[in-house]
Each structure stands twice: as C-alpha cells, then as structure tokens.
Amino acid sequence: MPWFPTRSIARIICALWVDFRQHSMPICRCVVYLIIGCTLASAQSSSPAVFDKDVPIPTITEPFGQWDATALNEIVDHLKVVGTSPWSGLQGTGQITYGVEDTTAYSATLSILDGTGFRLDGQTAKGELSIRINGGRGKIQEGDGHLYPLLPNTAKSGIVQFELPRLANFPYSGTSLLDRGLVVIDGRSLHRITYETTTADASEVVRKKNAVITDFYFDPTSHLLIKSANSIRIDGAGNADFLRVISYDDYRSVQGSMVPFRFTQTLNGQKQWTLQLSTVQLNPALETSSFEF
C-alpha cells in the first residue's frame, strides 16, 4: 500500500530533507510520522538545523555471530548503573512535540513489552496518531483511521532501543555484539557498540537483506546510554536508507532502575519529535493484543 496516494514517498523525502532551499512547504499528512518521521511545521527556513551529523550509519558486523569481550563489558557496566532487576516492559505518559519550529506540546503515551511490542499514541493537530509494533509487524494509524504498514526490518527495530540491554539473556544466541571504539558525537566522546540480529541460519545474502543493526552509544564514564542509531527503509522509497537516531536524556530512578524520561528522534539529521515523559511504570500488565490493530 503506498503511503501517499498523490505523491511518491521519494519526492516527499526529497522535499523534506534533501533540498529545503528549493522545497519549502507545509506538510499536512506526512507519512513519516513518529517512528520514521512526524508532522513537521510549515518549514520556511532556508537552512534547517542539522542534528546528529557525527553519527555514522550502522554497518554489518564481520564475522557474524561473535560477542566482543569489550562490548560485553560495556553492557555489564551499563547494567550496573541502570539496574539489573527483571525487566519486561514500560508504560509512560507525557507530552510530545514535533519538529523544530512547532513548539505545541501534545499528550502522548509510550508502551513497551518484552522488547518486541511497542506502541506510541500521540495527539496531533489532526487528531490522535498511533504506532503499534509486534515483532516484525507494525502499522501507523492516522487520526482519520487510515492504516499504513511498516517494513518488517523497520518494525523489528522498534520505536526506541534503550530497553534492549536490560532484557533477560541479552545478547541472544545467533546475534553479534561488536566493539567499535570511541566516537566523537557533537564534541562528546561516546563508546559505540554494534548489535546485530538476523534470520537464524541465514545465508549471507539473506542476512544482509534482513539484518537489524543497532548502534548503542554509551558515555564511557557514567555508562548511561546516550544515543542509539538504526538504518531504516521506508516503504515506497526504493532502496534508500535513512539514519534514525534516538537520544536519551533526563534519567530518573523508577522502581530501582534508571530510566530515560526524554527521547528525541532525528531522521537523516532532521529533528522529528521529542517525547518528554512525566510518569513511568515498569513491568506493567500489558496484553500483546494492544500492540496490534
């Protein structure tokens, strides 16, 4: 199903991120909401701010299926800081803002279940928007009820990724965990760790097609997770890859665990949304059915 009935997604993406100098227009129903974008305010700036410009695009690990000792040590140090109590999910409420120029704060709820179920419900100027993901299946529902599917690899990467190291038995068998050393991001030295999952016993061709790669960026001193990055694809945009970066801030103690209360997403360097939570409950009673339409 095409995500825009009247314009190809490639033209929309081009207009939004490639050439703002020649394409400056109001976006009413933008297909790249929330998980792969959001409704941007009418952008009239000739030189939009670029964020996360120092973040490299995640790449395949070689060889696949190995866990680097330095990377494992970083995960251990991280868990010592954020807590090792049993983790099955989260539900938080707060406010979400879109883009850079639109400062209107709308109510929003983020729900996570076992690292495979994700749901983000947020009000917009056009009504309520909902993203629901269950494993490799995901859809976006606009305020008018229209549903748009997410590509499987995009769905598998979830909405946020901070919860992955906290899940039991992380990293799982049949995955890779690779130390990439220190990388300077926005003038700050961060420890980059690459985590890759793919189809079990897949050939190299299938692996490279279906790989879900997440780069974690940890503060080497505090060991808090600062950013995560995925390379995602958008249905209808051909084989183009888009760099999605989530930043994690405002860590607070909740039920013995340190949890980020502020999440900011950028897509190809353009800020898409910021979610500021005010209340968070860990391990809530959530049904799998609530993550599907």
Protein backbone atom coordinates (compact mmCIF):
# COMPACT_ATOMS: atom_id res chain seq x y z
CA MET A 1 0.00 0.00 0.00
CA PRO A 2 1.53 3.36 -0.98
CA TRP A 3 1.77 5.69 1.97
CA PHE A 4 0.86 8.76 -0.07
CA PRO A 5 -1.92 8.46 -2.61
CA THR A 6 -0.93 11.50 -4.67
CA ARG A 7 2.86 11.82 -4.36
CA SER A 8 5.62 9.27 -4.22
CA ILE A 9 7.37 8.99 -0.88
CA ALA A 10 10.68 9.60 -2.63
CA ARG A 11 9.53 13.08 -3.67
CA ILE A 12 8.27 13.80 -0.17
CA ILE A 13 11.55 12.71 1.38
CA CYS A 14 13.47 14.78 -1.12
CA ALA A 15 11.37 17.81 -0.37
CA LEU A 16 11.72 17.39 3.38
CA TRP A 17 15.39 16.55 3.82
CA VAL A 18 17.43 16.84 0.65
CA ASP A 19 16.77 20.34 -0.66
CA PHE A 20 14.96 22.69 1.72
CA ARG A 21 16.26 25.64 -0.29
CA GLN A 22 14.01 24.74 -3.21
CA HIS A 23 11.31 22.74 -1.42
CA SER A 24 9.72 24.60 1.46
CA MET A 25 6.11 23.65 2.05
CA PRO A 26 3.53 22.86 4.73
CA ILE A 27 3.08 19.19 5.46
CA CYS A 28 -0.45 18.18 6.45
CA ARG A 29 -0.41 14.42 6.34
CA CYS A 30 3.22 13.36 6.41
CA VAL A 31 3.73 9.62 6.08
CA VAL A 32 6.97 9.72 8.03
CA TYR A 33 5.25 10.27 11.38
CA LEU A 34 6.95 9.48 14.69
CA ILE A 35 8.82 6.25 14.11
CA ILE A 36 10.11 7.35 10.70
CA GLY A 37 9.26 10.99 10.98
CA CYS A 38 6.42 13.19 12.10
CA THR A 39 4.23 16.05 11.02
CA LEU A 40 6.61 18.93 10.52
CA ALA A 41 5.53 22.51 10.97
CA SER A 42 5.44 24.62 7.83
CA ALA A 43 9.16 24.98 7.32
CA GLN A 44 10.24 28.29 5.86
CA SER A 45 13.89 28.12 6.91
CA SER A 46 16.40 28.13 4.05
CA SER A 47 18.96 26.28 6.17
CA PRO A 48 17.31 23.88 8.63
CA ALA A 49 19.35 22.81 11.63
CA VAL A 50 21.16 19.50 11.25
CA PHE A 51 21.37 17.19 14.26
CA ASP A 52 23.38 14.04 14.91
CA LYS A 53 25.59 14.86 11.95
CA ASP A 54 28.53 12.97 13.50
CA VAL A 55 26.62 9.70 13.90
CA PRO A 56 27.83 7.09 11.36
CA ILE A 57 25.42 4.78 9.57
CA PRO A 58 25.30 1.34 11.27
CA THR A 59 27.07 -1.37 9.28
CA ILE A 60 27.09 -5.17 9.15
CA THR A 61 29.29 -6.92 11.70
CA GLU A 62 32.06 -9.19 10.48
CA PRO A 63 32.19 -12.02 11.26
CA PHE A 64 28.60 -12.50 12.31
CA GLY A 65 27.68 -14.33 15.50
CA GLN A 66 30.51 -13.23 17.78
CA TRP A 67 30.39 -11.25 21.01
CA ASP A 68 33.31 -8.95 21.58
CA ALA A 69 34.64 -9.02 25.17
CA THR A 70 34.98 -5.23 25.35
CA ALA A 71 31.42 -4.78 24.12
CA LEU A 72 30.14 -7.27 26.70
CA ASN A 73 31.99 -5.42 29.45
CA GLU A 74 30.29 -2.17 28.43
CA ILE A 75 26.88 -3.82 28.66
CA VAL A 76 27.77 -5.18 32.12
CA ASP A 77 28.91 -1.73 33.28
CA HIS A 78 25.74 -0.20 31.87
CA LEU A 79 23.51 -2.63 33.73
CA LYS A 80 25.36 -1.93 36.97
CA VAL A 81 24.27 1.70 36.60
CA VAL A 82 20.71 1.33 35.33
CA GLY A 83 19.83 -1.74 37.37
CA THR A 84 19.52 -5.47 36.81
CA SER A 85 16.05 -6.05 38.21
CA PRO A 86 13.72 -8.12 35.97
CA TRP A 87 12.58 -6.06 33.00
CA SER A 88 9.51 -6.92 30.93
CA GLY A 89 8.38 -3.52 29.77
CA LEU A 90 7.38 0.04 30.47
CA GLN A 91 4.46 2.39 30.15
CA GLY A 92 4.91 6.14 30.41
CA THR A 93 2.78 9.20 29.82
CA GLY A 94 3.83 12.72 29.00
CA GLN A 95 3.96 15.20 26.15
CA ILE A 96 5.31 15.12 22.62
CA THR A 97 6.44 17.97 20.36
CA TYR A 98 7.09 17.68 16.63
CA GLY A 99 9.90 19.04 14.51
CA VAL A 100 11.80 22.16 15.48
CA GLU A 101 9.57 25.13 14.87
CA ASP A 102 6.28 23.75 16.21
CA THR A 103 6.51 24.02 19.99
CA THR A 104 2.97 22.81 20.69
CA ALA A 105 3.05 20.02 23.30
CA TYR A 106 0.54 17.21 22.82
CA SER A 107 -0.31 14.37 25.20
CA ALA A 108 1.37 11.04 24.46
CA THR A 109 1.80 7.53 25.86
CA LEU A 110 4.70 5.13 25.23
CA SER A 111 4.28 1.41 25.92
CA ILE A 112 6.91 -1.34 25.60
CA LEU A 113 6.53 -5.09 26.12
CA ASP A 114 9.49 -7.52 26.21
CA GLY A 115 11.47 -5.54 23.63
CA THR A 116 9.22 -6.71 20.77
CA GLY A 117 5.98 -4.87 21.47
CA PHE A 118 5.99 -1.10 21.02
CA ARG A 119 3.18 1.39 20.99
CA LEU A 120 3.25 5.18 20.80
CA ASP A 121 -0.02 7.11 20.94
CA GLY A 122 0.18 10.85 20.49
CA GLN A 123 -2.18 13.67 19.80
CA THR A 124 -1.52 15.84 16.75
CA ALA A 125 -3.20 18.88 15.25
CA LYS A 126 -5.11 16.42 13.03
CA GLY A 127 -6.20 14.04 15.80
CA GLU A 128 -4.66 11.02 17.52
CA LEU A 129 -1.85 9.13 15.85
CA SER A 130 -0.92 5.59 16.88
CA ILE A 131 2.05 3.39 16.05
CA ARG A 132 1.80 -0.26 17.06
CA ILE A 133 4.52 -2.86 16.57
CA ASN A 134 4.55 -6.54 17.43
CA GLY A 135 7.79 -8.20 16.38
CA GLY A 136 8.25 -7.80 12.63
CA ARG A 137 4.75 -6.41 12.09
CA GLY A 138 3.87 -2.78 12.52
CA LYS A 139 1.41 -0.16 11.34
CA ILE A 140 0.73 3.54 11.71
CA GLN A 141 -2.83 4.77 12.14
CA GLU A 142 -3.62 8.38 11.34
CA GLY A 143 -6.28 10.47 13.00
CA ASP A 144 -8.72 9.73 10.17
CA GLY A 145 -8.32 5.98 10.66
CA HIS A 146 -6.08 5.25 7.68
CA LEU A 147 -3.54 2.47 8.32
CA TYR A 148 -0.06 2.34 6.81
CA PRO A 149 2.27 -0.67 7.19
CA LEU A 150 5.88 -0.54 8.31
CA LEU A 151 8.51 -2.61 6.54
CA PRO A 152 9.46 -5.68 8.64
CA ASN A 153 13.03 -4.53 9.37
CA THR A 154 11.82 -1.11 10.40
CA ALA A 155 9.22 -2.69 12.66
CA LYS A 156 11.80 -5.01 14.22
CA SER A 157 13.94 -2.06 15.20
CA GLY A 158 11.10 -0.82 17.42
CA ILE A 159 10.40 2.76 18.42
CA VAL A 160 13.18 3.18 20.98
CA GLN A 161 16.07 0.82 21.78
CA PHE A 162 17.23 1.69 25.30
CA GLU A 163 15.46 -1.35 26.76
CA LEU A 164 17.36 -3.98 24.73
CA PRO A 165 20.40 -4.43 27.04
CA ARG A 166 18.03 -4.78 30.01
CA LEU A 167 16.17 -7.78 28.63
CA ALA A 168 16.90 -11.20 30.08
CA ASN A 169 19.54 -13.22 28.19
CA PHE A 170 20.83 -10.22 26.23
CA PRO A 171 22.62 -10.66 23.88
CA TYR A 172 20.69 -13.58 22.43
CA SER A 173 22.28 -16.53 20.63
CA GLY A 174 22.56 -16.01 16.90
CA THR A 175 23.38 -12.30 17.25
CA SER A 176 26.50 -10.15 17.10
CA LEU A 177 27.86 -7.68 19.64
CA LEU A 178 30.86 -5.72 18.41
CA ASP A 179 33.00 -3.02 20.00
CA ARG A 180 33.55 -0.08 17.62
CA GLY A 181 35.65 2.04 19.95
CA LEU A 182 35.19 5.68 20.92
CA VAL A 183 33.41 8.07 18.53
CA VAL A 184 33.13 11.84 18.96
CA ILE A 185 29.48 12.89 18.66
CA ASP A 186 28.69 16.60 18.98
CA GLY A 187 32.04 17.11 20.68
CA ARG A 188 31.42 14.30 23.17
CA SER A 189 33.38 11.06 23.20
CA LEU A 190 30.99 8.07 23.29
CA HIS A 191 31.57 4.31 23.27
CA ARG A 192 29.98 2.77 20.18
CA ILE A 193 28.70 -0.82 20.38
CA THR A 194 27.02 -2.53 17.41
CA TYR A 195 24.31 -5.12 17.98
CA GLU A 196 23.05 -7.15 15.01
CA THR A 197 20.22 -9.64 14.70
CA THR A 198 19.11 -11.52 11.62
CA THR A 199 17.29 -14.64 10.46
CA ALA A 200 18.65 -17.74 12.17
CA ASP A 201 21.00 -19.81 9.98
CA ALA A 202 20.53 -17.33 7.15
CA SER A 203 22.80 -17.18 4.13
CA GLU A 204 24.95 -14.09 3.74
CA VAL A 205 22.61 -12.73 1.08
CA VAL A 206 19.56 -13.20 3.29
CA ARG A 207 21.44 -11.92 6.32
CA LYS A 208 22.44 -8.65 4.69
CA LYS A 209 18.89 -8.15 3.44
CA ASN A 210 17.19 -8.89 6.75
CA ALA A 211 19.75 -7.67 9.27
CA VAL A 212 18.54 -5.36 12.02
CA ILE A 213 21.55 -3.36 13.22
CA THR A 214 21.53 -1.08 16.24
CA ASP A 215 24.44 1.09 17.31
CA PHE A 216 24.46 1.93 21.02
CA TYR A 217 26.39 4.99 22.22
CA PHE A 218 27.35 4.85 25.90
CA ASP A 219 29.01 7.50 28.00
CA PRO A 220 32.38 5.84 28.82
CA THR A 221 32.36 7.34 32.33
CA SER A 222 28.75 7.12 33.51
CA HIS A 223 27.93 4.13 31.25
CA LEU A 224 24.48 5.56 30.58
CA LEU A 225 23.08 5.05 27.09
CA ILE A 226 23.15 8.41 25.30
CA LYS A 227 22.04 7.51 21.77
CA SER A 228 21.01 4.61 19.58
CA ALA A 229 21.04 4.51 15.78
CA ASN A 230 19.39 2.37 13.10
CA SER A 231 19.48 2.38 9.33
CA ILE A 232 15.87 2.02 8.22
CA ARG A 233 13.96 1.87 4.97
CA ILE A 234 10.64 3.45 4.12
CA ASP A 235 8.02 1.69 2.04
CA GLY A 236 7.85 3.35 -1.37
CA ALA A 237 11.29 5.00 -1.16
CA GLY A 238 13.11 2.35 -3.18
CA ASN A 239 16.30 1.05 -1.61
CA ALA A 240 17.22 4.30 0.11
CA ASP A 241 18.49 4.01 3.68
CA PHE A 242 17.63 6.61 6.31
CA LEU A 243 19.58 7.14 9.50
CA ARG A 244 17.32 7.23 12.54
CA VAL A 245 18.89 8.35 15.82
CA ILE A 246 17.23 8.32 19.24
CA SER A 247 18.76 10.40 22.05
CA TYR A 248 18.11 9.52 25.69
CA ASP A 249 18.11 12.15 28.44
CA ASP A 250 16.66 13.02 31.83
CA TYR A 251 17.42 9.71 33.53
CA ARG A 252 15.41 9.15 36.71
CA SER A 253 15.13 6.33 39.22
CA VAL A 254 11.96 4.25 38.86
CA GLN A 255 11.39 1.17 40.98
CA GLY A 256 15.12 0.68 41.39
CA SER A 257 16.02 1.25 37.73
CA MET A 258 17.40 4.30 35.93
CA VAL A 259 15.05 5.18 33.06
CA PRO A 260 15.31 7.96 30.47
CA PHE A 261 12.31 10.28 30.61
CA ARG A 262 13.14 12.25 27.44
CA PHE A 263 13.53 10.79 23.95
CA THR A 264 14.40 12.74 20.80
CA GLN A 265 14.33 11.29 17.29
CA THR A 266 16.14 12.60 14.24
CA LEU A 267 15.90 11.23 10.71
CA ASN A 268 18.79 11.99 8.37
CA GLY A 269 19.76 14.81 10.70
CA GLN A 270 16.34 16.45 10.91
CA LYS A 271 14.62 16.55 14.28
CA GLN A 272 11.30 14.70 14.13
CA TRP A 273 9.93 14.60 17.66
CA THR A 274 10.74 14.89 21.34
CA LEU A 275 8.84 12.83 23.90
CA GLN A 276 9.04 14.06 27.49
CA LEU A 277 7.57 11.60 29.96
CA SER A 278 6.21 12.72 33.32
CA THR A 279 5.16 9.34 34.77
CA VAL A 280 6.66 5.90 34.18
CA GLN A 281 5.62 2.46 35.37
CA LEU A 282 7.89 -0.54 34.91
CA ASN A 283 6.66 -4.04 34.12
CA PRO A 284 3.02 -3.02 33.67
CA ALA A 285 0.31 -5.55 32.87
CA LEU A 286 0.12 -5.22 29.09
CA GLU A 287 -1.60 -7.53 26.61
CA THR A 288 0.09 -8.49 23.34
CA SER A 289 -3.14 -7.64 21.51
CA SER A 290 -2.76 -3.97 22.47
CA PHE A 291 0.28 -3.74 20.16
CA GLU A 292 -1.71 -4.62 17.06
CA PHE A 293 -4.59 -3.03 15.17
